[in-house]
Structures are given as structure tokens and as C-alpha cells.
Amino acid sequence: MELNIEYTNKQLEKILDQAVIYMCACPSQVAEQVIRLRNLFAYQKNCMVGNETALSIKTHQLIAEATSQAHDVMQACLHDVLVHENWDLETLEMPANLRQLLEKTILK
């Protein structure tokens, strides 16, 4: 079992970096959750290796399957948010209008 990866960890980190620079937390919150789900999934896969009891393996499989489903949902959400806000999907740069909105807010 593997995760469906639409955005690399490097791309997710770029979204997080933009949030710090431009103080736009919503897309970064979703990106952060995608990263956390990837870590949980990797943890569960690691727990399945070397475990000898069927009960223990099944527990980790259940968690990994649910994590995979949640990852797909949150990754799709991130895509929808980026499209809605007109982010550049190639470079993952925040659109100028959001940066300008931030500048206006700060200068008030």
C-alpha cells in the first residue's frame, strides 16, 4: 500500500514558506496536515514490518488505510484551495492579488 502523491514534500514546504512570508495561513494549514498524514502513514507501515501477530498487523493496516483516505481528501482540498485562490500550480507561488491584500492590511 502506498499513498497517492500529488504534491511532493518540497512543494508542500514551498506553500508553508509562502504562508510565513505573506501571513496567509489557510493553504499552509492544509499542506501541514498532508505532511502529518504522510508521517502517520509511514509510521504505520514501519509498525507492520517485523510485527508477528495478525492482530497487530491488522490494527496498523486499518490505521494506514484510513490515513490514506484522509490524505487523498486533504490533498484534493489543497488543490481546490490553490485553484480557487489562483495560485500558480507550476511554481506554487501565491498570486499577486493575495500578496497585495496583505500589504494593504499591514499598512492600515
N, C-alpha and C. Protein backbone atom coordinates (compact mmCIF):
# COMPACT_ATOMS: atom_id res chain seq x y z
N MET A 1 0.84 -1.18 0.00
CA MET A 1 0.00 0.00 0.00
C MET A 1 0.89 1.24 0.00
N GLU A 2 0.60 2.15 -0.90
CA GLU A 2 1.34 3.41 -1.00
C GLU A 2 0.35 4.57 -1.07
N LEU A 3 0.81 5.75 -0.71
CA LEU A 3 -0.02 6.95 -0.80
C LEU A 3 -0.01 7.49 -2.23
N ASN A 4 -1.11 8.07 -2.62
CA ASN A 4 -1.21 8.80 -3.88
C ASN A 4 -0.62 10.19 -3.63
N ILE A 5 0.51 10.48 -4.27
CA ILE A 5 1.20 11.75 -4.04
C ILE A 5 0.97 12.69 -5.22
N GLU A 6 0.24 13.77 -4.97
CA GLU A 6 0.01 14.79 -5.99
C GLU A 6 1.02 15.93 -5.84
N TYR A 7 1.36 16.25 -4.60
CA TYR A 7 2.33 17.30 -4.29
C TYR A 7 3.49 16.67 -3.54
N THR A 8 4.71 16.98 -3.95
CA THR A 8 5.88 16.47 -3.25
C THR A 8 6.03 17.19 -1.91
N ASN A 9 6.82 16.62 -1.03
CA ASN A 9 7.06 17.30 0.24
C ASN A 9 7.72 18.65 0.02
N LYS A 10 8.59 18.74 -0.98
CA LYS A 10 9.25 20.01 -1.29
C LYS A 10 8.22 21.06 -1.72
N GLN A 11 7.24 20.64 -2.51
CA GLN A 11 6.19 21.57 -2.93
C GLN A 11 5.34 22.01 -1.74
N LEU A 12 5.03 21.08 -0.85
CA LEU A 12 4.25 21.42 0.34
C LEU A 12 5.02 22.41 1.21
N GLU A 13 6.32 22.20 1.33
CA GLU A 13 7.15 23.12 2.10
C GLU A 13 7.16 24.52 1.48
N LYS A 14 7.12 24.58 0.16
CA LYS A 14 7.07 25.89 -0.51
C LYS A 14 5.78 26.63 -0.15
N ILE A 15 4.67 25.90 -0.10
CA ILE A 15 3.40 26.51 0.31
C ILE A 15 3.51 27.01 1.75
N LEU A 16 4.11 26.21 2.61
CA LEU A 16 4.30 26.62 4.00
C LEU A 16 5.18 27.87 4.09
N ASP A 17 6.23 27.92 3.29
CA ASP A 17 7.12 29.09 3.28
C ASP A 17 6.37 30.35 2.86
N GLN A 18 5.51 30.22 1.86
CA GLN A 18 4.75 31.38 1.39
C GLN A 18 3.85 31.90 2.52
N ALA A 19 3.33 31.00 3.32
CA ALA A 19 2.46 31.41 4.42
C ALA A 19 3.23 32.26 5.42
N VAL A 20 4.47 31.89 5.67
CA VAL A 20 5.30 32.65 6.61
C VAL A 20 5.60 34.03 6.04
N ILE A 21 5.96 34.06 4.76
CA ILE A 21 6.33 35.33 4.12
C ILE A 21 5.13 36.27 4.03
N TYR A 22 4.00 35.73 3.61
CA TYR A 22 2.83 36.59 3.32
C TYR A 22 1.72 36.48 4.36
N MET A 23 1.97 35.76 5.43
CA MET A 23 1.00 35.59 6.52
C MET A 23 -0.37 35.13 6.01
N CYS A 24 -0.36 34.14 5.15
CA CYS A 24 -1.61 33.56 4.63
C CYS A 24 -1.64 32.11 5.10
N ALA A 25 -2.34 31.86 6.18
CA ALA A 25 -2.22 30.58 6.86
C ALA A 25 -3.11 29.46 6.33
N CYS A 26 -4.19 29.77 5.66
CA CYS A 26 -5.15 28.72 5.31
C CYS A 26 -4.58 27.64 4.39
N PRO A 27 -4.01 27.97 3.24
CA PRO A 27 -3.43 26.89 2.41
C PRO A 27 -2.31 26.15 3.14
N SER A 28 -1.55 26.87 3.94
CA SER A 28 -0.46 26.20 4.66
C SER A 28 -0.98 25.25 5.72
N GLN A 29 -2.12 25.55 6.32
CA GLN A 29 -2.70 24.63 7.30
C GLN A 29 -3.05 23.30 6.64
N VAL A 30 -3.59 23.37 5.44
CA VAL A 30 -3.94 22.14 4.71
C VAL A 30 -2.66 21.40 4.32
N ALA A 31 -1.66 22.13 3.82
CA ALA A 31 -0.39 21.50 3.44
C ALA A 31 0.26 20.82 4.64
N GLU A 32 0.19 21.46 5.79
CA GLU A 32 0.76 20.87 7.00
C GLU A 32 0.06 19.57 7.38
N GLN A 33 -1.25 19.52 7.22
CA GLN A 33 -1.99 18.30 7.54
C GLN A 33 -1.63 17.16 6.57
N VAL A 34 -1.41 17.51 5.31
CA VAL A 34 -1.00 16.49 4.33
C VAL A 34 0.34 15.90 4.76
N ILE A 35 1.27 16.75 5.19
CA ILE A 35 2.57 16.26 5.65
C ILE A 35 2.40 15.37 6.88
N ARG A 36 1.57 15.78 7.82
CA ARG A 36 1.34 14.97 9.03
C ARG A 36 0.72 13.61 8.69
N LEU A 37 -0.19 13.60 7.74
CA LEU A 37 -0.78 12.33 7.33
C LEU A 37 0.26 11.43 6.69
N ARG A 38 1.18 11.99 5.92
CA ARG A 38 2.26 11.20 5.33
C ARG A 38 3.14 10.59 6.42
N ASN A 39 3.41 11.38 7.46
CA ASN A 39 4.21 10.86 8.56
C ASN A 39 3.49 9.75 9.31
N LEU A 40 2.20 9.91 9.53
CA LEU A 40 1.41 8.87 10.19
C LEU A 40 1.38 7.60 9.36
N PHE A 41 1.21 7.74 8.06
CA PHE A 41 1.18 6.59 7.16
C PHE A 41 2.52 5.85 7.21
N ALA A 42 3.61 6.59 7.14
CA ALA A 42 4.94 5.97 7.19
C ALA A 42 5.16 5.26 8.52
N TYR A 43 4.68 5.84 9.58
CA TYR A 43 4.79 5.22 10.91
C TYR A 43 4.05 3.89 10.94
N GLN A 44 2.84 3.88 10.39
CA GLN A 44 2.05 2.64 10.39
C GLN A 44 2.72 1.56 9.54
N LYS A 45 3.25 1.95 8.40
CA LYS A 45 3.94 0.98 7.54
C LYS A 45 5.15 0.41 8.27
N ASN A 46 5.85 1.25 9.00
CA ASN A 46 7.01 0.79 9.76
C ASN A 46 6.59 -0.18 10.86
N CYS A 47 5.45 0.08 11.48
CA CYS A 47 4.96 -0.81 12.54
C CYS A 47 4.58 -2.19 12.00
N MET A 48 4.15 -2.24 10.73
CA MET A 48 3.76 -3.53 10.14
C MET A 48 4.96 -4.42 9.86
N VAL A 49 6.12 -3.84 9.68
CA VAL A 49 7.33 -4.60 9.38
C VAL A 49 7.84 -5.22 10.67
N GLY A 50 8.00 -6.50 10.67
CA GLY A 50 8.54 -7.18 11.83
C GLY A 50 7.52 -7.55 12.88
N ASN A 51 6.28 -7.09 12.72
CA ASN A 51 5.23 -7.48 13.66
C ASN A 51 4.77 -8.89 13.32
N GLU A 52 4.66 -9.70 14.32
CA GLU A 52 4.37 -11.12 14.07
C GLU A 52 2.91 -11.49 14.29
N THR A 53 2.16 -10.69 15.01
CA THR A 53 0.78 -11.08 15.28
C THR A 53 -0.17 -10.50 14.25
N ALA A 54 -1.09 -11.31 13.83
CA ALA A 54 -2.08 -10.86 12.84
C ALA A 54 -2.92 -9.71 13.39
N LEU A 55 -3.21 -9.75 14.69
CA LEU A 55 -4.00 -8.70 15.32
C LEU A 55 -3.27 -7.35 15.21
N SER A 56 -2.00 -7.35 15.52
CA SER A 56 -1.21 -6.12 15.47
C SER A 56 -1.08 -5.60 14.04
N ILE A 57 -0.83 -6.50 13.09
CA ILE A 57 -0.71 -6.09 11.69
C ILE A 57 -2.02 -5.50 11.20
N LYS A 58 -3.13 -6.12 11.55
CA LYS A 58 -4.44 -5.63 11.12
C LYS A 58 -4.72 -4.24 11.70
N THR A 59 -4.34 -4.00 12.95
CA THR A 59 -4.52 -2.69 13.57
C THR A 59 -3.82 -1.62 12.75
N HIS A 60 -2.56 -1.88 12.39
CA HIS A 60 -1.78 -0.90 11.63
C HIS A 60 -2.29 -0.76 10.20
N GLN A 61 -2.80 -1.84 9.63
CA GLN A 61 -3.39 -1.76 8.29
C GLN A 61 -4.63 -0.87 8.30
N LEU A 62 -5.47 -1.03 9.32
CA LEU A 62 -6.68 -0.21 9.42
C LEU A 62 -6.32 1.28 9.53
N ILE A 63 -5.33 1.58 10.36
CA ILE A 63 -4.92 2.97 10.52
C ILE A 63 -4.32 3.49 9.22
N ALA A 64 -3.48 2.68 8.56
CA ALA A 64 -2.86 3.10 7.30
C ALA A 64 -3.90 3.34 6.21
N GLU A 65 -4.91 2.49 6.13
CA GLU A 65 -5.96 2.66 5.12
C GLU A 65 -6.76 3.94 5.36
N ALA A 66 -7.12 4.19 6.62
CA ALA A 66 -7.86 5.42 6.94
C ALA A 66 -6.99 6.65 6.68
N THR A 67 -5.71 6.55 6.99
CA THR A 67 -4.80 7.65 6.75
C THR A 67 -4.67 7.94 5.26
N SER A 68 -4.60 6.89 4.46
CA SER A 68 -4.52 7.04 3.01
C SER A 68 -5.75 7.76 2.47
N GLN A 69 -6.92 7.39 2.96
CA GLN A 69 -8.15 8.04 2.52
C GLN A 69 -8.17 9.51 2.93
N ALA A 70 -7.77 9.79 4.17
CA ALA A 70 -7.72 11.18 4.65
C ALA A 70 -6.71 11.99 3.85
N HIS A 71 -5.60 11.38 3.51
CA HIS A 71 -4.57 12.04 2.71
C HIS A 71 -5.13 12.44 1.35
N ASP A 72 -5.85 11.53 0.72
CA ASP A 72 -6.46 11.84 -0.59
C ASP A 72 -7.42 13.02 -0.48
N VAL A 73 -8.24 13.03 0.56
CA VAL A 73 -9.22 14.10 0.76
C VAL A 73 -8.51 15.44 0.98
N MET A 74 -7.50 15.46 1.84
CA MET A 74 -6.81 16.71 2.15
C MET A 74 -5.96 17.20 0.98
N GLN A 75 -5.39 16.27 0.23
CA GLN A 75 -4.61 16.67 -0.94
C GLN A 75 -5.52 17.28 -2.01
N ALA A 76 -6.72 16.70 -2.17
CA ALA A 76 -7.70 17.27 -3.11
C ALA A 76 -8.17 18.64 -2.62
N CYS A 77 -8.35 18.77 -1.33
CA CYS A 77 -8.74 20.06 -0.74
C CYS A 77 -7.67 21.11 -1.03
N LEU A 78 -6.41 20.75 -0.84
CA LEU A 78 -5.33 21.69 -1.10
C LEU A 78 -5.36 22.15 -2.55
N HIS A 79 -5.53 21.20 -3.45
CA HIS A 79 -5.60 21.54 -4.87
C HIS A 79 -6.75 22.51 -5.13
N ASP A 80 -7.92 22.21 -4.58
CA ASP A 80 -9.10 23.06 -4.78
C ASP A 80 -8.87 24.47 -4.23
N VAL A 81 -8.23 24.58 -3.08
CA VAL A 81 -7.95 25.89 -2.48
C VAL A 81 -6.97 26.67 -3.35
N LEU A 82 -5.92 26.01 -3.81
CA LEU A 82 -4.92 26.68 -4.64
C LEU A 82 -5.55 27.17 -5.95
N VAL A 83 -6.40 26.36 -6.54
CA VAL A 83 -7.09 26.76 -7.77
C VAL A 83 -8.03 27.93 -7.48
N HIS A 84 -8.80 27.81 -6.40
CA HIS A 84 -9.76 28.86 -6.04
C HIS A 84 -9.06 30.20 -5.82
N GLU A 85 -7.88 30.17 -5.18
CA GLU A 85 -7.17 31.41 -4.89
C GLU A 85 -6.25 31.85 -6.03
N ASN A 86 -6.25 31.09 -7.12
CA ASN A 86 -5.45 31.41 -8.31
C ASN A 86 -3.94 31.33 -8.09
N TRP A 87 -3.51 30.36 -7.27
CA TRP A 87 -2.07 30.13 -7.13
C TRP A 87 -1.54 29.60 -8.45
N ASP A 88 -0.28 29.84 -8.73
CA ASP A 88 0.38 29.27 -9.90
C ASP A 88 0.70 27.81 -9.56
N LEU A 89 0.03 26.88 -10.22
CA LEU A 89 0.19 25.46 -9.90
C LEU A 89 1.53 24.89 -10.36
N GLU A 90 2.20 25.59 -11.25
CA GLU A 90 3.53 25.15 -11.70
C GLU A 90 4.59 25.52 -10.66
N THR A 91 4.57 26.77 -10.22
CA THR A 91 5.60 27.27 -9.31
C THR A 91 5.16 27.27 -7.85
N LEU A 92 3.86 27.13 -7.63
CA LEU A 92 3.24 27.24 -6.31
C LEU A 92 3.54 28.58 -5.64
N GLU A 93 3.52 29.61 -6.47
CA GLU A 93 3.65 30.98 -5.97
C GLU A 93 2.27 31.52 -5.65
N MET A 94 2.20 32.22 -4.54
CA MET A 94 0.95 32.86 -4.16
C MET A 94 0.64 33.97 -5.18
N PRO A 95 -0.62 34.12 -5.56
CA PRO A 95 -0.96 35.15 -6.54
C PRO A 95 -0.71 36.56 -6.00
N ALA A 96 -0.38 37.45 -6.93
CA ALA A 96 -0.05 38.83 -6.56
C ALA A 96 -1.18 39.51 -5.80
N ASN A 97 -2.43 39.24 -6.18
CA ASN A 97 -3.54 39.91 -5.50
C ASN A 97 -3.61 39.55 -4.02
N LEU A 98 -3.22 38.34 -3.64
CA LEU A 98 -3.22 37.99 -2.22
C LEU A 98 -2.05 38.67 -1.50
N ARG A 99 -0.91 38.78 -2.17
CA ARG A 99 0.23 39.49 -1.57
C ARG A 99 -0.12 40.97 -1.39
N GLN A 100 -0.78 41.56 -2.38
CA GLN A 100 -1.16 42.98 -2.28
C GLN A 100 -2.19 43.20 -1.18
N LEU A 101 -3.11 42.25 -1.03
CA LEU A 101 -4.10 42.34 0.03
C LEU A 101 -3.41 42.36 1.38
N LEU A 102 -2.40 41.55 1.55
CA LEU A 102 -1.65 41.52 2.79
C LEU A 102 -0.95 42.87 3.03
N GLU A 103 -0.33 43.40 1.99
CA GLU A 103 0.36 44.68 2.12
C GLU A 103 -0.61 45.79 2.56
N LYS A 104 -1.80 45.81 1.99
CA LYS A 104 -2.80 46.80 2.36
C LYS A 104 -3.22 46.63 3.83
N THR A 105 -3.34 45.39 4.25
CA THR A 105 -3.74 45.10 5.63
C THR A 105 -2.67 45.57 6.61
N ILE A 106 -1.42 45.34 6.28
CA ILE A 106 -0.31 45.73 7.15
C ILE A 106 -0.15 47.24 7.23
N LEU A 107 -0.36 47.91 6.12
CA LEU A 107 -0.15 49.35 6.05
C LEU A 107 -1.28 50.16 6.69
N LYS A 108 -2.37 49.53 7.04
CA LYS A 108 -3.50 50.25 7.66
C LYS A 108 -3.17 50.71 9.05
